[in-house]
Amino acid sequence: MNLHKVDREAVPETPNRLGIAGIEFIEYATSRPQALGQVLENMGFRPVARHRSREVTLYRQGDMNLVVNAHPDDARVSSTVEGQPVISAVAFRVQDALKSHTRCLNLGAWSVGSHAQAMELHIPAIHGPGGSRFYFVDRWQEFSIYNIDFKPIPTVDPNPPALAGMSYFGVVQYIGASRSADWLTYYEHMFDFTTIPDEERFGILPKGKLMKSPCGSFLWQLVEPEPWMDIEDASECLQRIGFGVPDVGKAVTALKALGVEFVESTQLHPEDRGALTRNTLGSVAFELVHK
């Protein structure tokens, strides 16, 4: 009788039932697209294309796509307060967008109705926190969604290089008080994210709970309000984007040369692990993390 050797300490592979392969784009909604565009250009992004039928601009650097949605008929734009931009969507790269969308609906997600016009792509989406959306994109390699819905801006490099080697590191989400367990379960259940132990921290704002995408290419940070905060400050929303960089110091120097200001205090200042930009337009800040 042959006995097969079994590794009793073998670690099972993390499931990735949606085939998530990274972030395709992150979207801001704003009624002040020019002001936000200037902030993004200071961060190294460049406008490369405009939507064919809506007031939407595609910004890019390296492998990162960032969409500025200023279309007045979009409720996410019209509901912004005093023009303050909000992160209104994150699009996940997946193997099959329709299957991913269907699976999430079967797990209890709420679908977002399509507003695609004639000759435009329908990108399936579900509702996320604070009125945001999660899109599923399976056209991101040889053929992309931007080939159909966007018109390139003439004389502009369609693939500007990433400043200081920046890439998407993750997203910070603010959640309600005592809601960590609910959201951890949601992301594990819906997207196969896994919780990172509390002793493993990144950046210079190591609060809340961290989760890792099943593809391992980006993180998700959940931050509850402090106990002393007013309940009105406990709204749930996608708060800021984290960029991974190979050298935080070099990235800070390059961004400062473009006019970006960083938070510096006795408790918080740029260092090897990370840095935080000062809030602009009332709501926009970015975090740099050593990657």
Foldseek 3Di string as FASTA:
>chain_A
DDDDDDDPPDDDAQDFPQAFDFWQAWEKAFLCVVVVQLVVVLQVWDFWWAFPPFGKTWIDAARYIYIYHNGCVDPNNVPDDPGQIAGAEIETEGQDQVVLLVVLVVVPFAWDDFPDDPQADTWTWTADFPNHIYTYFHQDPPGGNCVGGIDTDPPDDNYHHRQQAKDFAEWEKQAEPPCQVVVQCVCCSSGSWAWDDLVDAAAQPSAATKTAGSNRRYIYGYHYDDPPDDNVVRGIGTAATEIEHQFQVSSVVSSVVSVWAWDDDPSADDDRAKTKTDDDSNGYIYIYGYD
